[in-house]
Amino acid sequence: MPREFTRSDRVSDAIQRELATLIREHVRDPRVGMLSVTDVDVSRDLSVAKAYVAFVGERSQSQIDQGIQALNGAAGYLRKLLATSISLRATPKLTFFHDCSGQRGQHLQALIDL
């Protein structure tokens, strides 16, 4: 009987849930504000994790870039906190990216409604 999910899928789900909590509770940078962690892609060897975030509310592109820059600056701190909350042999290196799929979906929905 084949496995339904790979280990990297399970680890990425756990990291996504934990990152959302850690960012909300421990990151106090005003450039970050409110966001949701939409997806986490973990490499097969679990050494690198790409976290995709979507900011809540209207933001300009420069504000989004500053927020992503602040998150990438806090990536080492978040990695340390993640290592204490999730027991893995090696905690993946975090890199944050902006997920614009929600905005694109709203734009397409507005075009359809016309």
PDB file of N, CA and C in Angstrom:
ATOM      1  N   MET A   1       0.848  -1.175   0.000  1.00  0.00           N
ATOM      2  CA  MET A   1       0.000   0.000   0.000  1.00  0.00           C
ATOM      3  C   MET A   1       0.894   1.239   0.000  1.00  0.00           C
ATOM      4  N   PRO A   2       0.793   2.091  -1.024  1.00  0.00           N
ATOM      5  CA  PRO A   2       1.673   3.270  -1.101  1.00  0.00           C
ATOM      6  C   PRO A   2       1.284   4.320  -0.083  1.00  0.00           C
ATOM      7  N   ARG A   3       2.281   5.120   0.264  1.00  0.00           N
ATOM      8  CA  ARG A   3       2.036   6.209   1.201  1.00  0.00           C
ATOM      9  C   ARG A   3       1.251   7.309   0.511  1.00  0.00           C
ATOM     10  N   GLU A   4       0.357   7.913   1.263  1.00  0.00           N
ATOM     11  CA  GLU A   4      -0.463   8.971   0.690  1.00  0.00           C
ATOM     12  C   GLU A   4       0.293  10.293   0.624  1.00  0.00           C
ATOM     13  N   PHE A   5       1.106  10.579   1.633  1.00  0.00           N
ATOM     14  CA  PHE A   5       1.861  11.819   1.690  1.00  0.00           C
ATOM     15  C   PHE A   5       3.325  11.497   1.953  1.00  0.00           C
ATOM     16  N   THR A   6       4.201  12.280   1.344  1.00  0.00           N
ATOM     17  CA  THR A   6       5.623  12.089   1.588  1.00  0.00           C
ATOM     18  C   THR A   6       6.013  12.801   2.878  1.00  0.00           C
ATOM     19  N   ARG A   7       7.186  12.509   3.344  1.00  0.00           N
ATOM     20  CA  ARG A   7       7.678  13.153   4.572  1.00  0.00           C
ATOM     21  C   ARG A   7       7.808  14.656   4.377  1.00  0.00           C
ATOM     22  N   SER A   8       8.283  15.084   3.217  1.00  0.00           N
ATOM     23  CA  SER A   8       8.429  16.524   2.988  1.00  0.00           C
ATOM     24  C   SER A   8       7.075  17.225   2.997  1.00  0.00           C
ATOM     25  N   ASP A   9       6.020  16.560   2.540  1.00  0.00           N
ATOM     26  CA  ASP A   9       4.674  17.148   2.608  1.00  0.00           C
ATOM     27  C   ASP A   9       4.215  17.317   4.056  1.00  0.00           C
ATOM     28  N   ARG A  10       4.459  16.306   4.870  1.00  0.00           N
ATOM     29  CA  ARG A  10       4.054  16.385   6.279  1.00  0.00           C
ATOM     30  C   ARG A  10       4.849  17.447   7.021  1.00  0.00           C
ATOM     31  N   VAL A  11       6.158  17.535   6.725  1.00  0.00           N
ATOM     32  CA  VAL A  11       7.002  18.537   7.372  1.00  0.00           C
ATOM     33  C   VAL A  11       6.583  19.936   6.934  1.00  0.00           C
ATOM     34  N   SER A  12       6.268  20.122   5.660  1.00  0.00           N
ATOM     35  CA  SER A  12       5.867  21.451   5.185  1.00  0.00           C
ATOM     36  C   SER A  12       4.552  21.888   5.815  1.00  0.00           C
ATOM     37  N   ASP A  13       3.618  20.969   6.008  1.00  0.00           N
ATOM     38  CA  ASP A  13       2.364  21.314   6.691  1.00  0.00           C
ATOM     39  C   ASP A  13       2.617  21.718   8.141  1.00  0.00           C
ATOM     40  N   ALA A  14       3.476  20.986   8.821  1.00  0.00           N
ATOM     41  CA  ALA A  14       3.792  21.314  10.208  1.00  0.00           C
ATOM     42  C   ALA A  14       4.496  22.662  10.311  1.00  0.00           C
ATOM     43  N   ILE A  15       5.421  22.927   9.394  1.00  0.00           N
ATOM     44  CA  ILE A  15       6.129  24.208   9.401  1.00  0.00           C
ATOM     45  C   ILE A  15       5.171  25.347   9.102  1.00  0.00           C
ATOM     46  N   GLN A  16       4.240  25.147   8.179  1.00  0.00           N
ATOM     47  CA  GLN A  16       3.277  26.188   7.837  1.00  0.00           C
ATOM     48  C   GLN A  16       2.425  26.565   9.051  1.00  0.00           C
ATOM     49  N   ARG A  17       1.910  25.588   9.755  1.00  0.00           N
ATOM     50  CA  ARG A  17       1.096  25.863  10.949  1.00  0.00           C
ATOM     51  C   ARG A  17       1.922  26.563  12.025  1.00  0.00           C
ATOM     52  N   GLU A  18       3.127  26.086  12.247  1.00  0.00           N
ATOM     53  CA  GLU A  18       3.961  26.645  13.308  1.00  0.00           C
ATOM     54  C   GLU A  18       4.457  28.045  12.956  1.00  0.00           C
ATOM     55  N   LEU A  19       4.817  28.283  11.691  1.00  0.00           N
ATOM     56  CA  LEU A  19       5.277  29.605  11.275  1.00  0.00           C
ATOM     57  C   LEU A  19       4.191  30.658  11.450  1.00  0.00           C
ATOM     58  N   ALA A  20       2.960  30.300  11.125  1.00  0.00           N
ATOM     59  CA  ALA A  20       1.861  31.250  11.288  1.00  0.00           C
ATOM     60  C   ALA A  20       1.748  31.688  12.744  1.00  0.00           C
ATOM     61  N   THR A  21       1.881  30.756  13.654  1.00  0.00           N
ATOM     62  CA  THR A  21       1.812  31.080  15.077  1.00  0.00           C
ATOM     63  C   THR A  21       3.022  31.885  15.521  1.00  0.00           C
ATOM     64  N   LEU A  22       4.209  31.483  15.101  1.00  0.00           N
ATOM     65  CA  LEU A  22       5.432  32.167  15.531  1.00  0.00           C
ATOM     66  C   LEU A  22       5.486  33.602  15.017  1.00  0.00           C
ATOM     67  N   ILE A  23       5.085  33.831  13.775  1.00  0.00           N
ATOM     68  CA  ILE A  23       5.102  35.187  13.237  1.00  0.00           C
ATOM     69  C   ILE A  23       4.111  36.062  13.992  1.00  0.00           C
ATOM     70  N   ARG A  24       2.938  35.532  14.253  1.00  0.00           N
ATOM     71  CA  ARG A  24       1.916  36.300  14.971  1.00  0.00           C
ATOM     72  C   ARG A  24       2.356  36.660  16.391  1.00  0.00           C
ATOM     73  N   GLU A  25       3.025  35.741  17.065  1.00  0.00           N
ATOM     74  CA  GLU A  25       3.351  35.956  18.475  1.00  0.00           C
ATOM     75  C   GLU A  25       4.717  36.610  18.707  1.00  0.00           C
ATOM     76  N   HIS A  26       5.669  36.434  17.804  1.00  0.00           N
ATOM     77  CA  HIS A  26       7.037  36.851  18.105  1.00  0.00           C
ATOM     78  C   HIS A  26       7.611  37.934  17.204  1.00  0.00           C
ATOM     79  N   VAL A  27       7.048  38.151  16.041  1.00  0.00           N
ATOM     80  CA  VAL A  27       7.589  39.173  15.141  1.00  0.00           C
ATOM     81  C   VAL A  27       6.837  40.474  15.403  1.00  0.00           C
ATOM     82  N   ARG A  28       7.556  41.466  15.887  1.00  0.00           N
ATOM     83  CA  ARG A  28       6.953  42.744  16.270  1.00  0.00           C
ATOM     84  C   ARG A  28       7.287  43.866  15.299  1.00  0.00           C
ATOM     85  N   ASP A  29       7.811  43.543  14.145  1.00  0.00           N
ATOM     86  CA  ASP A  29       8.178  44.552  13.160  1.00  0.00           C
ATOM     87  C   ASP A  29       6.905  45.130  12.527  1.00  0.00           C
ATOM     88  N   PRO A  30       6.729  46.455  12.557  1.00  0.00           N
ATOM     89  CA  PRO A  30       5.501  47.042  11.992  1.00  0.00           C
ATOM     90  C   PRO A  30       5.412  46.894  10.477  1.00  0.00           C
ATOM     91  N   ARG A  31       6.525  46.613   9.796  1.00  0.00           N
ATOM     92  CA  ARG A  31       6.485  46.409   8.351  1.00  0.00           C
ATOM     93  C   ARG A  31       5.802  45.105   7.979  1.00  0.00           C
ATOM     94  N   VAL A  32       5.782  44.161   8.913  1.00  0.00           N
ATOM     95  CA  VAL A  32       5.181  42.858   8.631  1.00  0.00           C
ATOM     96  C   VAL A  32       3.664  42.941   8.751  1.00  0.00           C
ATOM     97  N   GLY A  33       3.155  43.433   9.854  1.00  0.00           N
ATOM     98  CA  GLY A  33       1.711  43.545  10.033  1.00  0.00           C
ATOM     99  C   GLY A  33       1.030  42.188  10.049  1.00  0.00           C
ATOM    100  N   MET A  34      -0.211  42.182   9.584  1.00  0.00           N
ATOM    101  CA  MET A  34      -0.989  40.940   9.555  1.00  0.00           C
ATOM    102  C   MET A  34      -0.760  40.223   8.237  1.00  0.00           C
ATOM    103  N   LEU A  35      -0.570  38.923   8.327  1.00  0.00           N
ATOM    104  CA  LEU A  35      -0.354  38.124   7.137  1.00  0.00           C
ATOM    105  C   LEU A  35      -0.834  36.716   7.387  1.00  0.00           C
ATOM    106  N   SER A  36      -0.924  35.963   6.319  1.00  0.00           N
ATOM    107  CA  SER A  36      -1.212  34.539   6.449  1.00  0.00           C
ATOM    108  C   SER A  36      -0.161  33.767   5.659  1.00  0.00           C
ATOM    109  N   VAL A  37       0.263  32.674   6.215  1.00  0.00           N
ATOM    110  CA  VAL A  37       1.224  31.802   5.551  1.00  0.00           C
ATOM    111  C   VAL A  37       0.408  30.861   4.664  1.00  0.00           C
ATOM    112  N   THR A  38       0.482  31.079   3.351  1.00  0.00           N
ATOM    113  CA  THR A  38      -0.374  30.330   2.441  1.00  0.00           C
ATOM    114  C   THR A  38       0.196  28.977   2.043  1.00  0.00           C
ATOM    115  N   ASP A  39       1.515  28.869   1.981  1.00  0.00           N
ATOM    116  CA  ASP A  39       2.115  27.602   1.565  1.00  0.00           C
ATOM    117  C   ASP A  39       3.569  27.560   2.002  1.00  0.00           C
ATOM    118  N   VAL A  40       4.068  26.369   2.220  1.00  0.00           N
ATOM    119  CA  VAL A  40       5.487  26.155   2.507  1.00  0.00           C
ATOM    120  C   VAL A  40       5.943  24.985   1.653  1.00  0.00           C
ATOM    121  N   ASP A  41       6.972  25.224   0.860  1.00  0.00           N
ATOM    122  CA  ASP A  41       7.578  24.164   0.056  1.00  0.00           C
ATOM    123  C   ASP A  41       8.921  23.802   0.682  1.00  0.00           C
ATOM    124  N   VAL A  42       9.075  22.534   1.038  1.00  0.00           N
ATOM    125  CA  VAL A  42      10.309  22.057   1.648  1.00  0.00           C
ATOM    126  C   VAL A  42      11.028  21.195   0.627  1.00  0.00           C
ATOM    127  N   SER A  43      12.336  21.391   0.525  1.00  0.00           N
ATOM    128  CA  SER A  43      13.115  20.581  -0.406  1.00  0.00           C
ATOM    129  C   SER A  43      13.104  19.118   0.037  1.00  0.00           C
ATOM    130  N   ARG A  44      13.470  18.268  -0.860  1.00  0.00           N
ATOM    131  CA  ARG A  44      13.399  16.831  -0.582  1.00  0.00           C
ATOM    132  C   ARG A  44      14.305  16.414   0.575  1.00  0.00           C
ATOM    133  N   ASP A  45      15.460  17.083   0.702  1.00  0.00           N
ATOM    134  CA  ASP A  45      16.372  16.744   1.791  1.00  0.00           C
ATOM    135  C   ASP A  45      16.077  17.544   3.059  1.00  0.00           C
ATOM    136  N   LEU A  46      15.008  18.322   3.077  1.00  0.00           N
ATOM    137  CA  LEU A  46      14.530  19.086   4.245  1.00  0.00           C
ATOM    138  C   LEU A  46      15.537  20.130   4.711  1.00  0.00           C
ATOM    139  N   SER A  47      16.356  20.652   3.795  1.00  0.00           N
ATOM    140  CA  SER A  47      17.339  21.645   4.202  1.00  0.00           C
ATOM    141  C   SER A  47      16.897  23.073   3.889  1.00  0.00           C
ATOM    142  N   VAL A  48      15.969  23.240   2.970  1.00  0.00           N
ATOM    143  CA  VAL A  48      15.519  24.566   2.552  1.00  0.00           C
ATOM    144  C   VAL A  48      13.998  24.577   2.524  1.00  0.00           C
ATOM    145  N   ALA A  49      13.413  25.659   3.052  1.00  0.00           N
ATOM    146  CA  ALA A  49      11.960  25.814   3.018  1.00  0.00           C
ATOM    147  C   ALA A  49      11.619  27.183   2.443  1.00  0.00           C
ATOM    148  N   LYS A  50      10.742  27.191   1.442  1.00  0.00           N
ATOM    149  CA  LYS A  50      10.246  28.431   0.862  1.00  0.00           C
ATOM    150  C   LYS A  50       8.844  28.662   1.420  1.00  0.00           C
ATOM    151  N   ALA A  51       8.691  29.766   2.145  1.00  0.00           N
ATOM    152  CA  ALA A  51       7.402  30.092   2.747  1.00  0.00           C
ATOM    153  C   ALA A  51       6.742  31.205   1.936  1.00  0.00           C
ATOM    154  N   TYR A  52       5.512  30.979   1.525  1.00  0.00           N
ATOM    155  CA  TYR A  52       4.760  31.959   0.751  1.00  0.00           C
ATOM    156  C   TYR A  52       3.739  32.614   1.676  1.00  0.00           C
ATOM    157  N   VAL A  53       3.756  33.947   1.717  1.00  0.00           N
ATOM    158  CA  VAL A  53       2.873  34.685   2.612  1.00  0.00           C
ATOM    159  C   VAL A  53       2.024  35.662   1.807  1.00  0.00           C
ATOM    160  N   ALA A  54       0.815  35.901   2.306  1.00  0.00           N
ATOM    161  CA  ALA A  54      -0.086  36.884   1.719  1.00  0.00           C
ATOM    162  C   ALA A  54      -0.432  37.881   2.820  1.00  0.00           C
ATOM    163  N   PHE A  55      -0.259  39.155   2.528  1.00  0.00           N
ATOM    164  CA  PHE A  55      -0.536  40.201   3.506  1.00  0.00           C
ATOM    165  C   PHE A  55      -2.024  40.525   3.515  1.00  0.00           C
ATOM    166  N   VAL A  56      -2.548  40.802   4.696  1.00  0.00           N
ATOM    167  CA  VAL A  56      -3.953  41.145   4.859  1.00  0.00           C
ATOM    168  C   VAL A  56      -4.106  42.641   4.650  1.00  0.00           C
ATOM    169  N   GLY A  57      -5.083  43.034   3.851  1.00  0.00           N
ATOM    170  CA  GLY A  57      -5.331  44.450   3.602  1.00  0.00           C
ATOM    171  C   GLY A  57      -4.618  44.933   2.355  1.00  0.00           C
ATOM    172  N   GLU A  58      -4.948  46.147   1.982  1.00  0.00           N
ATOM    173  CA  GLU A  58      -4.341  46.752   0.803  1.00  0.00           C
ATOM    174  C   GLU A  58      -2.940  47.247   1.127  1.00  0.00           C
ATOM    175  N   ARG A  59      -2.004  46.892   0.289  1.00  0.00           N
ATOM    176  CA  ARG A  59      -0.618  47.331   0.431  1.00  0.00           C
ATOM    177  C   ARG A  59      -0.061  47.643  -0.935  1.00  0.00           C
ATOM    178  N   SER A  60       0.810  48.642  -0.971  1.00  0.00           N
ATOM    179  CA  SER A  60       1.502  48.943  -2.217  1.00  0.00           C
ATOM    180  C   SER A  60       2.631  47.938  -2.408  1.00  0.00           C
ATOM    181  N   GLN A  61       3.173  47.917  -3.602  1.00  0.00           N
ATOM    182  CA  GLN A  61       4.256  46.970  -3.884  1.00  0.00           C
ATOM    183  C   GLN A  61       5.482  47.248  -3.022  1.00  0.00           C
ATOM    184  N   SER A  62       5.755  48.519  -2.731  1.00  0.00           N
ATOM    185  CA  SER A  62       6.908  48.837  -1.887  1.00  0.00           C
ATOM    186  C   SER A  62       6.684  48.363  -0.453  1.00  0.00           C
ATOM    187  N   GLN A  63       5.460  48.463   0.049  1.00  0.00           N
ATOM    188  CA  GLN A  63       5.166  47.966   1.395  1.00  0.00           C
ATOM    189  C   GLN A  63       5.278  46.454   1.455  1.00  0.00           C
ATOM    190  N   ILE A  64       4.855  45.789   0.391  1.00  0.00           N
ATOM    191  CA  ILE A  64       4.983  44.330   0.328  1.00  0.00           C
ATOM    192  C   ILE A  64       6.454  43.933   0.315  1.00  0.00           C
ATOM    193  N   ASP A  65       7.252  44.636  -0.486  1.00  0.00           N
ATOM    194  CA  ASP A  65       8.688  44.342  -0.552  1.00  0.00           C
ATOM    195  C   ASP A  65       9.365  44.565   0.794  1.00  0.00           C
ATOM    196  N   GLN A  66       8.978  45.626   1.506  1.00  0.00           N
ATOM    197  CA  GLN A  66       9.547  45.889   2.828  1.00  0.00           C
ATOM    198  C   GLN A  66       9.139  44.804   3.823  1.00  0.00           C
ATOM    199  N   GLY A  67       7.894  44.349   3.740  1.00  0.00           N
ATOM    200  CA  GLY A  67       7.435  43.277   4.625  1.00  0.00           C
ATOM    201  C   GLY A  67       8.181  41.981   4.383  1.00  0.00           C
ATOM    202  N   ILE A  68       8.394  41.636   3.109  1.00  0.00           N
ATOM    203  CA  ILE A  68       9.138  40.417   2.772  1.00  0.00           C
ATOM    204  C   ILE A  68      10.585  40.554   3.219  1.00  0.00           C
ATOM    205  N   GLN A  69      11.156  41.740   3.047  1.00  0.00           N
ATOM    206  CA  GLN A  69      12.527  41.984   3.487  1.00  0.00           C
ATOM    207  C   GLN A  69      12.635  41.842   5.005  1.00  0.00           C
ATOM    208  N   ALA A  70      11.644  42.339   5.743  1.00  0.00           N
ATOM    209  CA  ALA A  70      11.650  42.206   7.200  1.00  0.00           C
ATOM    210  C   ALA A  70      11.540  40.740   7.616  1.00  0.00           C
ATOM    211  N   LEU A  71      10.693  39.975   6.929  1.00  0.00           N
ATOM    212  CA  LEU A  71      10.559  38.550   7.247  1.00  0.00           C
ATOM    213  C   LEU A  71      11.848  37.792   6.942  1.00  0.00           C
ATOM    214  N   ASN A  72      12.474  38.104   5.817  1.00  0.00           N
ATOM    215  CA  ASN A  72      13.738  37.439   5.490  1.00  0.00           C
ATOM    216  C   ASN A  72      14.840  37.843   6.462  1.00  0.00           C
ATOM    217  N   GLY A  73      14.761  39.064   6.992  1.00  0.00           N
ATOM    218  CA  GLY A  73      15.711  39.480   8.022  1.00  0.00           C
ATOM    219  C   GLY A  73      15.512  38.742   9.329  1.00  0.00           C
ATOM    220  N   ALA A  74      14.261  38.376   9.619  1.00  0.00           N
ATOM    221  CA  ALA A  74      13.947  37.653  10.849  1.00  0.00           C
ATOM    222  C   ALA A  74      13.957  36.139  10.648  1.00  0.00           C
ATOM    223  N   ALA A  75      14.389  35.670   9.478  1.00  0.00           N
ATOM    224  CA  ALA A  75      14.335  34.244   9.170  1.00  0.00           C
ATOM    225  C   ALA A  75      15.194  33.415  10.118  1.00  0.00           C
ATOM    226  N   GLY A  76      16.357  33.921  10.503  1.00  0.00           N
ATOM    227  CA  GLY A  76      17.208  33.186  11.430  1.00  0.00           C
ATOM    228  C   GLY A  76      16.567  33.037  12.807  1.00  0.00           C
ATOM    229  N   TYR A  77      15.951  34.111  13.269  1.00  0.00           N
ATOM    230  CA  TYR A  77      15.249  34.076  14.559  1.00  0.00           C
ATOM    231  C   TYR A  77      14.066  33.111  14.497  1.00  0.00           C
ATOM    232  N   LEU A  78      13.307  33.172  13.405  1.00  0.00           N
ATOM    233  CA  LEU A  78      12.172  32.261  13.257  1.00  0.00           C
ATOM    234  C   LEU A  78      12.635  30.815  13.125  1.00  0.00           C
ATOM    235  N   ARG A  79      13.772  30.603  12.492  1.00  0.00           N
ATOM    236  CA  ARG A  79      14.326  29.251  12.370  1.00  0.00           C
ATOM    237  C   ARG A  79      14.698  28.699  13.739  1.00  0.00           C
ATOM    238  N   LYS A  80      15.270  29.559  14.591  1.00  0.00           N
ATOM    239  CA  LYS A  80      15.636  29.131  15.944  1.00  0.00           C
ATOM    240  C   LYS A  80      14.382  28.765  16.742  1.00  0.00           C
ATOM    241  N   LEU A  81      13.340  29.600  16.638  1.00  0.00           N
ATOM    242  CA  LEU A  81      12.091  29.298  17.336  1.00  0.00           C
ATOM    243  C   LEU A  81      11.432  28.046  16.786  1.00  0.00           C
ATOM    244  N   LEU A  82      11.528  27.861  15.482  1.00  0.00           N
ATOM    245  CA  LEU A  82      10.951  26.680  14.848  1.00  0.00           C
ATOM    246  C   LEU A  82      11.664  25.414  15.309  1.00  0.00           C
ATOM    247  N   ALA A  83      12.977  25.508  15.508  1.00  0.00           N
ATOM    248  CA  ALA A  83      13.751  24.348  15.953  1.00  0.00           C
ATOM    249  C   ALA A  83      13.337  23.908  17.351  1.00  0.00           C
ATOM    250  N   THR A  84      12.934  24.868  18.193  1.00  0.00           N
ATOM    251  CA  THR A  84      12.515  24.489  19.543  1.00  0.00           C
ATOM    252  C   THR A  84      11.099  23.927  19.575  1.00  0.00           C
ATOM    253  N   SER A  85      10.275  24.282  18.588  1.00  0.00           N
ATOM    254  CA  SER A  85       8.884  23.826  18.625  1.00  0.00           C
ATOM    255  C   SER A  85       8.638  22.571  17.790  1.00  0.00           C
ATOM    256  N   ILE A  86       9.437  22.337  16.763  1.00  0.00           N
ATOM    257  CA  ILE A  86       9.297  21.135  15.936  1.00  0.00           C
ATOM    258  C   ILE A  86      10.594  20.349  16.042  1.00  0.00           C
ATOM    259  N   SER A  87      10.472  19.087  16.381  1.00  0.00           N
ATOM    260  CA  SER A  87      11.690  18.285  16.550  1.00  0.00           C
ATOM    261  C   SER A  87      12.064  17.631  15.223  1.00  0.00           C
ATOM    262  N   LEU A  88      13.047  18.233  14.576  1.00  0.00           N
ATOM    263  CA  LEU A  88      13.630  17.697  13.358  1.00  0.00           C
ATOM    264  C   LEU A  88      15.134  17.572  13.560  1.00  0.00           C
ATOM    265  N   ARG A  89      15.764  16.707  12.805  1.00  0.00           N
ATOM    266  CA  ARG A  89      17.207  16.566  12.913  1.00  0.00           C
ATOM    267  C   ARG A  89      17.900  17.867  12.514  1.00  0.00           C
ATOM    268  N   ALA A  90      17.451  18.459  11.416  1.00  0.00           N
ATOM    269  CA  ALA A  90      17.988  19.739  10.957  1.00  0.00           C
ATOM    270  C   ALA A  90      16.810  20.620  10.566  1.00  0.00           C
ATOM    271  N   THR A  91      16.769  21.813  11.105  1.00  0.00           N
ATOM    272  CA  THR A  91      15.692  22.738  10.781  1.00  0.00           C
ATOM    273  C   THR A  91      16.004  23.411   9.453  1.00  0.00           C
ATOM    274  N   PRO A  92      15.039  23.452   8.529  1.00  0.00           N
ATOM    275  CA  PRO A  92      15.312  24.029   7.210  1.00  0.00           C
ATOM    276  C   PRO A  92      15.589  25.527   7.258  1.00  0.00           C
ATOM    277  N   LYS A  93      16.393  25.994   6.319  1.00  0.00           N
ATOM    278  CA  LYS A  93      16.668  27.417   6.152  1.00  0.00           C
ATOM    279  C   LYS A  93      15.432  28.042   5.518  1.00  0.00           C
ATOM    280  N   LEU A  94      14.934  29.126   6.114  1.00  0.00           N
ATOM    281  CA  LEU A  94      13.690  29.748   5.672  1.00  0.00           C
ATOM    282  C   LEU A  94      13.946  30.895   4.708  1.00  0.00           C
ATOM    283  N   THR A  95      13.145  30.950   3.664  1.00  0.00           N
ATOM    284  CA  THR A  95      13.127  32.065   2.741  1.00  0.00           C
ATOM    285  C   THR A  95      11.672  32.413   2.476  1.00  0.00           C
ATOM    286  N   PHE A  96      11.343  33.709   2.554  1.00  0.00           N
ATOM    287  CA  PHE A  96       9.961  34.143   2.407  1.00  0.00           C
ATOM    288  C   PHE A  96       9.731  34.782   1.047  1.00  0.00           C
ATOM    289  N   PHE A  97       8.555  34.490   0.474  1.00  0.00           N
ATOM    290  CA  PHE A  97       8.144  35.031  -0.812  1.00  0.00           C
ATOM    291  C   PHE A  97       6.705  35.521  -0.702  1.00  0.00           C
ATOM    292  N   HIS A  98       6.361  36.502  -1.531  1.00  0.00           N
ATOM    293  CA  HIS A  98       4.994  37.018  -1.538  1.00  0.00           C
ATOM    294  C   HIS A  98       4.130  36.139  -2.436  1.00  0.00           C
ATOM    295  N   ASP A  99       2.956  35.790  -1.950  1.00  0.00           N
ATOM    296  CA  ASP A  99       1.996  34.998  -2.711  1.00  0.00           C
ATOM    297  C   ASP A  99       0.894  35.928  -3.193  1.00  0.00           C
ATOM    298  N   CYS A 100       0.867  36.187  -4.474  1.00  0.00           N
ATOM    299  CA  CYS A 100      -0.112  37.127  -5.029  1.00  0.00           C
ATOM    300  C   CYS A 100      -1.289  36.408  -5.671  1.00  0.00           C
ATOM    301  N   SER A 101      -1.470  35.129  -5.422  1.00  0.00           N
ATOM    302  CA  SER A 101      -2.548  34.385  -6.065  1.00  0.00           C
ATOM    303  C   SER A 101      -3.922  34.862  -5.590  1.00  0.00           C
ATOM    304  N   GLY A 102      -4.048  35.288  -4.353  1.00  0.00           N
ATOM    305  CA  GLY A 102      -5.333  35.801  -3.863  1.00  0.00           C
ATOM    306  C   GLY A 102      -5.730  37.084  -4.559  1.00  0.00           C
ATOM    307  N   GLN A 103      -4.783  37.996  -4.728  1.00  0.00           N
ATOM    308  CA  GLN A 103      -5.060  39.250  -5.434  1.00  0.00           C
ATOM    309  C   GLN A 103      -5.399  38.976  -6.895  1.00  0.00           C
ATOM    310  N   ARG A 104      -4.679  38.052  -7.508  1.00  0.00           N
ATOM    311  CA  ARG A 104      -4.948  37.723  -8.904  1.00  0.00           C
ATOM    312  C   ARG A 104      -6.332  37.096  -9.049  1.00  0.00           C
ATOM    313  N   GLY A 105      -6.724  36.272  -8.087  1.00  0.00           N
ATOM    314  CA  GLY A 105      -8.053  35.663  -8.101  1.00  0.00           C
ATOM    315  C   GLY A 105      -9.156  36.705  -7.968  1.00  0.00           C
ATOM    316  N   GLN A 106      -8.958  37.690  -7.091  1.00  0.00           N
ATOM    317  CA  GLN A 106      -9.944  38.761  -6.946  1.00  0.00           C
ATOM    318  C   GLN A 106     -10.042  39.584  -8.232  1.00  0.00           C
ATOM    319  N   HIS A 107      -8.911  39.833  -8.866  1.00  0.00           N
ATOM    320  CA  HIS A 107      -8.906  40.592 -10.118  1.00  0.00           C
ATOM    321  C   HIS A 107      -9.661  39.836 -11.212  1.00  0.00           C
ATOM    322  N   LEU A 108      -9.402  38.539 -11.321  1.00  0.00           N
ATOM    323  CA  LEU A 108     -10.086  37.735 -12.326  1.00  0.00           C
ATOM    324  C   LEU A 108     -11.586  37.650 -12.046  1.00  0.00           C
ATOM    325  N   GLN A 109     -11.946  37.550 -10.772  1.00  0.00           N
ATOM    326  CA  GLN A 109     -13.360  37.516 -10.406  1.00  0.00           C
ATOM    327  C   GLN A 109     -14.043  38.828 -10.766  1.00  0.00           C
ATOM    328  N   ALA A 110     -13.362  39.949 -10.567  1.00  0.00           N
ATOM    329  CA  ALA A 110     -13.922  41.239 -10.956  1.00  0.00           C
ATOM    330  C   ALA A 110     -14.101  41.320 -12.469  1.00  0.00           C
ATOM    331  N   LEU A 111     -13.174  40.757 -13.232  1.00  0.00           N
ATOM    332  CA  LEU A 111     -13.312  40.757 -14.687  1.00  0.00           C
ATOM    333  C   LEU A 111     -14.477  39.883 -15.132  1.00  0.00           C
ATOM    334  N   ILE A 112     -14.694  38.785 -14.471  1.00  0.00           N
ATOM    335  CA  ILE A 112     -15.793  37.892 -14.811  1.00  0.00           C
ATOM    336  C   ILE A 112     -17.132  38.551 -14.487  1.00  0.00           C
ATOM    337  N   ASP A 113     -17.184  39.272 -13.372  1.00  0.00           N
ATOM    338  CA  ASP A 113     -18.434  39.908 -12.955  1.00  0.00           C
ATOM    339  C   ASP A 113     -18.853  41.058 -13.864  1.00  0.00           C
ATOM    340  N   LEU A 114     -17.934  41.585 -14.662  1.00  0.00           N
ATOM    341  CA  LEU A 114     -18.282  42.693 -15.550  1.00  0.00           C
ATOM    342  C   LEU A 114     -19.252  42.307 -16.599  1.00  0.00           C
TER     343      LEU A 114
END
